[in-house]
Amino acid sequence: MREYKWKSPQHWLMDKINHEWSEEERSETLVSLVELLNADDIQELFQGEMDMDGYFDHIEPGDPEQTAAYFRLAQSRHIFLEKEDSK
């Protein structure tokens, strides 16, 4: 079996994240990885935190807190896409 410098692609990525990349590079990579995950994967990984944040709480339509959360998500995606377009 062939040997590589890192044990796996995951180890390579963790090395980049922990030792080489700037905060901006880490953020862009995280957004890219999140876009590859489906809802079930995300919930499986973060269900406890999602529950603590009130993700599973029932809300009424037009709830201003829900609208604000959606706006923050849309804004972060827009900023990331603008950066991609400028490259």
N, C-alpha and C. Protein backbone atom coordinates (compact mmCIF):
# COMPACT_ATOMS: atom_id res chain seq x y z
N MET A 1 0.84 -1.19 0.00
CA MET A 1 0.00 0.00 0.00
C MET A 1 0.89 1.25 0.00
N ARG A 2 0.48 2.25 -0.72
CA ARG A 2 1.26 3.46 -0.87
C ARG A 2 1.16 4.34 0.38
N GLU A 3 2.27 4.92 0.79
CA GLU A 3 2.33 5.80 1.96
C GLU A 3 2.29 7.26 1.50
N TYR A 4 1.61 8.08 2.26
CA TYR A 4 1.53 9.51 1.98
C TYR A 4 2.01 10.29 3.19
N LYS A 5 2.24 11.57 2.99
CA LYS A 5 2.71 12.43 4.07
C LYS A 5 1.68 12.51 5.22
N TRP A 6 0.39 12.51 4.88
CA TRP A 6 -0.68 12.52 5.88
C TRP A 6 -1.40 11.18 5.85
N LYS A 7 -2.00 10.80 6.98
CA LYS A 7 -2.71 9.52 7.07
C LYS A 7 -3.94 9.47 6.15
N SER A 8 -4.58 10.63 5.98
CA SER A 8 -5.83 10.67 5.21
C SER A 8 -6.08 12.10 4.73
N PRO A 9 -7.00 12.26 3.81
CA PRO A 9 -7.38 13.62 3.40
C PRO A 9 -7.88 14.46 4.59
N GLN A 10 -8.56 13.79 5.54
CA GLN A 10 -9.02 14.52 6.73
C GLN A 10 -7.85 15.08 7.53
N HIS A 11 -6.79 14.28 7.68
CA HIS A 11 -5.61 14.76 8.41
C HIS A 11 -4.95 15.92 7.67
N TRP A 12 -4.89 15.83 6.35
CA TRP A 12 -4.33 16.93 5.55
C TRP A 12 -5.12 18.21 5.78
N LEU A 13 -6.46 18.10 5.72
CA LEU A 13 -7.31 19.27 5.90
C LEU A 13 -7.17 19.85 7.29
N MET A 14 -7.14 19.01 8.31
CA MET A 14 -6.98 19.49 9.67
C MET A 14 -5.63 20.20 9.85
N ASP A 15 -4.60 19.71 9.22
CA ASP A 15 -3.30 20.36 9.29
C ASP A 15 -3.36 21.75 8.67
N LYS A 16 -4.00 21.85 7.51
CA LYS A 16 -4.17 23.16 6.86
C LYS A 16 -4.95 24.11 7.76
N ILE A 17 -6.06 23.64 8.30
CA ILE A 17 -6.93 24.47 9.14
C ILE A 17 -6.19 24.94 10.39
N ASN A 18 -5.47 24.03 11.03
CA ASN A 18 -4.84 24.36 12.31
C ASN A 18 -3.51 25.10 12.19
N HIS A 19 -2.83 24.99 11.05
CA HIS A 19 -1.48 25.53 11.00
C HIS A 19 -1.17 26.47 9.85
N GLU A 20 -1.97 26.46 8.80
CA GLU A 20 -1.57 27.23 7.62
C GLU A 20 -2.58 28.30 7.19
N TRP A 21 -3.85 28.02 7.31
CA TRP A 21 -4.85 28.91 6.72
C TRP A 21 -5.21 30.07 7.62
N SER A 22 -5.52 31.19 6.99
CA SER A 22 -6.01 32.37 7.70
C SER A 22 -7.46 32.13 8.13
N GLU A 23 -7.97 33.02 8.96
CA GLU A 23 -9.36 32.94 9.40
C GLU A 23 -10.31 32.98 8.20
N GLU A 24 -10.00 33.81 7.24
CA GLU A 24 -10.85 33.93 6.04
C GLU A 24 -10.85 32.62 5.25
N GLU A 25 -9.69 32.00 5.08
CA GLU A 25 -9.61 30.72 4.36
C GLU A 25 -10.39 29.63 5.09
N ARG A 26 -10.27 29.62 6.43
CA ARG A 26 -11.02 28.63 7.22
C ARG A 26 -12.52 28.84 7.06
N SER A 27 -12.94 30.09 7.10
CA SER A 27 -14.36 30.41 6.97
C SER A 27 -14.90 29.99 5.60
N GLU A 28 -14.17 30.31 4.55
CA GLU A 28 -14.59 29.94 3.19
C GLU A 28 -14.66 28.42 3.04
N THR A 29 -13.71 27.72 3.61
CA THR A 29 -13.70 26.27 3.54
C THR A 29 -14.88 25.69 4.29
N LEU A 30 -15.18 26.24 5.45
CA LEU A 30 -16.32 25.76 6.22
C LEU A 30 -17.62 25.93 5.44
N VAL A 31 -17.80 27.08 4.82
CA VAL A 31 -19.00 27.31 4.01
C VAL A 31 -19.08 26.29 2.89
N SER A 32 -17.97 26.03 2.23
CA SER A 32 -17.95 25.04 1.13
C SER A 32 -18.32 23.65 1.64
N LEU A 33 -17.79 23.28 2.80
CA LEU A 33 -18.10 21.96 3.35
C LEU A 33 -19.56 21.86 3.78
N VAL A 34 -20.09 22.92 4.36
CA VAL A 34 -21.50 22.91 4.78
C VAL A 34 -22.41 22.71 3.58
N GLU A 35 -22.07 23.31 2.47
CA GLU A 35 -22.89 23.17 1.27
C GLU A 35 -22.88 21.74 0.73
N LEU A 36 -21.87 20.94 1.08
CA LEU A 36 -21.81 19.55 0.65
C LEU A 36 -22.66 18.62 1.52
N LEU A 37 -22.97 19.07 2.73
CA LEU A 37 -23.72 18.24 3.67
C LEU A 37 -25.22 18.38 3.42
N ASN A 38 -25.96 17.30 3.69
CA ASN A 38 -27.41 17.43 3.63
C ASN A 38 -27.93 17.73 5.04
N ALA A 39 -29.21 18.02 5.14
CA ALA A 39 -29.80 18.42 6.42
C ALA A 39 -29.62 17.35 7.49
N ASP A 40 -29.77 16.07 7.11
CA ASP A 40 -29.62 15.00 8.09
C ASP A 40 -28.21 14.92 8.64
N ASP A 41 -27.21 15.11 7.77
CA ASP A 41 -25.81 15.10 8.23
C ASP A 41 -25.57 16.21 9.23
N ILE A 42 -26.05 17.39 8.92
CA ILE A 42 -25.85 18.54 9.81
C ILE A 42 -26.55 18.30 11.14
N GLN A 43 -27.78 17.82 11.08
CA GLN A 43 -28.51 17.56 12.32
C GLN A 43 -27.84 16.47 13.14
N GLU A 44 -27.33 15.45 12.50
CA GLU A 44 -26.65 14.37 13.22
C GLU A 44 -25.42 14.90 13.96
N LEU A 45 -24.68 15.80 13.30
CA LEU A 45 -23.47 16.35 13.91
C LEU A 45 -23.76 17.37 15.01
N PHE A 46 -24.83 18.17 14.84
CA PHE A 46 -25.04 19.32 15.70
C PHE A 46 -26.38 19.33 16.43
N GLN A 47 -27.04 18.20 16.54
CA GLN A 47 -28.38 18.19 17.12
C GLN A 47 -28.43 18.79 18.51
N GLY A 48 -27.47 18.47 19.35
CA GLY A 48 -27.47 19.03 20.71
C GLY A 48 -27.39 20.55 20.71
N GLU A 49 -26.51 21.09 19.91
CA GLU A 49 -26.37 22.55 19.82
C GLU A 49 -27.60 23.18 19.18
N MET A 50 -28.15 22.50 18.16
CA MET A 50 -29.36 23.02 17.51
C MET A 50 -30.50 23.09 18.51
N ASP A 51 -30.60 22.06 19.34
CA ASP A 51 -31.66 22.03 20.37
C ASP A 51 -31.46 23.16 21.37
N MET A 52 -30.21 23.35 21.83
CA MET A 52 -29.94 24.43 22.79
C MET A 52 -30.24 25.81 22.19
N ASP A 53 -30.03 25.97 20.87
CA ASP A 53 -30.31 27.24 20.21
C ASP A 53 -31.79 27.45 19.92
N GLY A 54 -32.61 26.42 20.20
CA GLY A 54 -34.04 26.55 19.96
C GLY A 54 -34.48 26.21 18.55
N TYR A 55 -33.62 25.53 17.81
CA TYR A 55 -33.95 25.19 16.43
C TYR A 55 -35.26 24.41 16.33
N PHE A 56 -35.50 23.50 17.27
CA PHE A 56 -36.66 22.62 17.21
C PHE A 56 -37.90 23.22 17.88
N ASP A 57 -37.79 24.42 18.43
CA ASP A 57 -38.94 25.08 19.05
C ASP A 57 -39.93 25.50 17.98
N HIS A 58 -41.21 25.32 18.27
CA HIS A 58 -42.26 25.74 17.34
C HIS A 58 -42.33 27.27 17.33
N ILE A 59 -42.42 27.84 16.16
CA ILE A 59 -42.56 29.30 16.04
C ILE A 59 -43.78 29.61 15.20
N GLU A 60 -44.26 30.80 15.37
CA GLU A 60 -45.39 31.26 14.59
C GLU A 60 -44.90 31.87 13.28
N PRO A 61 -45.67 31.75 12.20
CA PRO A 61 -45.28 32.39 10.93
C PRO A 61 -45.05 33.88 11.12
N GLY A 62 -44.00 34.37 10.49
CA GLY A 62 -43.67 35.80 10.60
C GLY A 62 -42.92 36.17 11.86
N ASP A 63 -42.47 35.17 12.62
CA ASP A 63 -41.71 35.42 13.85
C ASP A 63 -40.47 36.25 13.51
N PRO A 64 -40.30 37.43 14.15
CA PRO A 64 -39.17 38.29 13.80
C PRO A 64 -37.81 37.64 14.07
N GLU A 65 -37.69 36.80 15.09
CA GLU A 65 -36.41 36.13 15.37
C GLU A 65 -36.06 35.17 14.24
N GLN A 66 -37.04 34.42 13.74
CA GLN A 66 -36.81 33.49 12.64
C GLN A 66 -36.44 34.26 11.37
N THR A 67 -37.13 35.36 11.12
CA THR A 67 -36.83 36.20 9.96
C THR A 67 -35.41 36.73 10.04
N ALA A 68 -34.98 37.16 11.21
CA ALA A 68 -33.62 37.69 11.40
C ALA A 68 -32.59 36.59 11.17
N ALA A 69 -32.85 35.38 11.66
CA ALA A 69 -31.91 34.27 11.46
C ALA A 69 -31.79 33.94 9.97
N TYR A 70 -32.91 33.93 9.27
CA TYR A 70 -32.87 33.65 7.84
C TYR A 70 -32.10 34.74 7.09
N PHE A 71 -32.30 35.99 7.49
CA PHE A 71 -31.60 37.10 6.84
C PHE A 71 -30.09 36.98 7.06
N ARG A 72 -29.67 36.63 8.29
CA ARG A 72 -28.23 36.47 8.56
C ARG A 72 -27.63 35.38 7.68
N LEU A 73 -28.35 34.27 7.51
CA LEU A 73 -27.87 33.18 6.66
C LEU A 73 -27.76 33.65 5.21
N ALA A 74 -28.79 34.30 4.71
CA ALA A 74 -28.78 34.78 3.32
C ALA A 74 -27.65 35.78 3.11
N GLN A 75 -27.43 36.65 4.08
CA GLN A 75 -26.37 37.65 3.97
C GLN A 75 -25.00 36.98 3.96
N SER A 76 -24.78 35.98 4.80
CA SER A 76 -23.47 35.32 4.84
C SER A 76 -23.22 34.57 3.53
N ARG A 77 -24.23 33.94 2.97
CA ARG A 77 -24.07 33.26 1.68
C ARG A 77 -23.77 34.27 0.58
N HIS A 78 -24.43 35.44 0.60
CA HIS A 78 -24.22 36.47 -0.41
C HIS A 78 -22.78 37.00 -0.35
N ILE A 79 -22.29 37.25 0.85
CA ILE A 79 -20.93 37.75 1.02
C ILE A 79 -19.94 36.73 0.51
N PHE A 80 -20.16 35.45 0.84
CA PHE A 80 -19.26 34.41 0.36
C PHE A 80 -19.28 34.33 -1.16
N LEU A 81 -20.48 34.38 -1.76
CA LEU A 81 -20.58 34.29 -3.21
C LEU A 81 -19.93 35.49 -3.90
N GLU A 82 -20.03 36.67 -3.29
CA GLU A 82 -19.36 37.85 -3.85
C GLU A 82 -17.85 37.63 -3.90
N LYS A 83 -17.29 37.05 -2.83
CA LYS A 83 -15.85 36.78 -2.77
C LYS A 83 -15.46 35.79 -3.86
N GLU A 84 -16.29 34.77 -4.07
CA GLU A 84 -16.01 33.78 -5.11
C GLU A 84 -16.02 34.43 -6.49
N ASP A 85 -16.97 35.33 -6.74
CA ASP A 85 -17.08 35.99 -8.04
C ASP A 85 -15.89 36.91 -8.32
N SER A 86 -15.30 37.48 -7.27
CA SER A 86 -14.20 38.42 -7.46
C SER A 86 -12.87 37.73 -7.71
N LYS A 87 -12.80 36.42 -7.56
CA LYS A 87 -11.53 35.68 -7.75
C LYS A 87 -11.24 35.49 -9.21
